[in-house]
């Protein structure tokens, strides 16, 4: 697999993971009326930062 294809697959993987985490968090807030724990939010922010770094890398 070429470097560009690998990078694209990594981005897709990160996005799918983030989307799933955000969906779970959204359901907890809207259906169970439970706010996310601060560490959960920090973890998602960290994952977003990693994705941004991956996208910005050459």
Protein backbone atom coordinates (compact mmCIF):
# COMPACT_ATOMS: atom_id res chain seq x y z
CA UNK A 1 0.00 0.00 0.00
CA UNK A 2 1.36 3.42 -0.89
CA UNK A 3 2.06 6.02 1.73
CA UNK A 4 -0.87 8.20 0.60
CA UNK A 5 -3.31 5.28 0.67
CA UNK A 6 -2.07 4.27 4.12
CA UNK A 7 -2.50 7.82 5.39
CA UNK A 8 -6.02 7.94 3.93
CA UNK A 9 -6.92 4.65 5.64
CA UNK A 10 -5.51 5.93 8.95
CA UNK A 11 -7.62 9.09 8.66
CA UNK A 12 -10.72 7.01 7.91
CA UNK A 13 -10.02 4.79 10.92
CA UNK A 14 -9.58 7.80 13.22
CA UNK A 15 -12.77 9.41 11.91
CA UNK A 16 -14.81 6.24 12.39
CA UNK A 17 -13.51 5.91 15.95
CA UNK A 18 -14.28 9.56 16.77
CA UNK A 19 -17.72 9.30 15.22
CA UNK A 20 -18.57 6.24 17.28
CA UNK A 21 -17.34 7.87 20.49
CA UNK A 22 -19.30 11.03 19.78
CA UNK A 23 -22.46 9.06 18.97
CA UNK A 24 -22.21 7.23 22.29
CA UNK A 25 -21.65 10.48 24.14
CA UNK A 26 -24.58 12.12 22.35
CA UNK A 27 -26.91 9.24 23.22
CA UNK A 28 -25.89 9.39 26.85
CA UNK A 29 -26.64 13.10 26.97
CA UNK A 30 -29.91 13.05 25.04
CA UNK A 31 -31.46 9.78 26.19
CA UNK A 32 -29.99 9.15 29.62
CA UNK A 33 -29.47 12.83 30.53
CA UNK A 34 -25.94 12.02 31.66
CA UNK A 35 -23.14 14.47 31.01
CA UNK A 36 -19.82 12.99 29.87
CA UNK A 37 -16.98 12.75 32.34
CA UNK A 38 -14.20 15.32 31.87
CA UNK A 39 -11.68 12.58 31.10
CA UNK A 40 -13.92 11.28 28.29
CA UNK A 41 -14.00 14.73 26.72
CA UNK A 42 -10.23 15.09 27.12
CA UNK A 43 -9.71 11.71 25.47
CA UNK A 44 -11.83 12.73 22.47
CA UNK A 45 -9.98 16.03 22.22
CA UNK A 46 -6.69 14.16 22.25
CA UNK A 47 -7.92 11.85 19.48
CA UNK A 48 -8.96 14.89 17.45
CA UNK A 49 -5.52 16.43 17.93
CA UNK A 50 -3.89 13.19 16.75
CA UNK A 51 -6.11 13.18 13.67
CA UNK A 52 -5.25 16.78 12.91
CA UNK A 53 -1.54 15.99 13.20
CA UNK A 54 -1.98 13.04 10.87
CA UNK A 55 -3.82 15.16 8.31
CA UNK A 56 -1.27 17.96 8.48
CA UNK A 57 1.74 15.68 8.19
CA UNK A 58 3.33 15.39 4.77
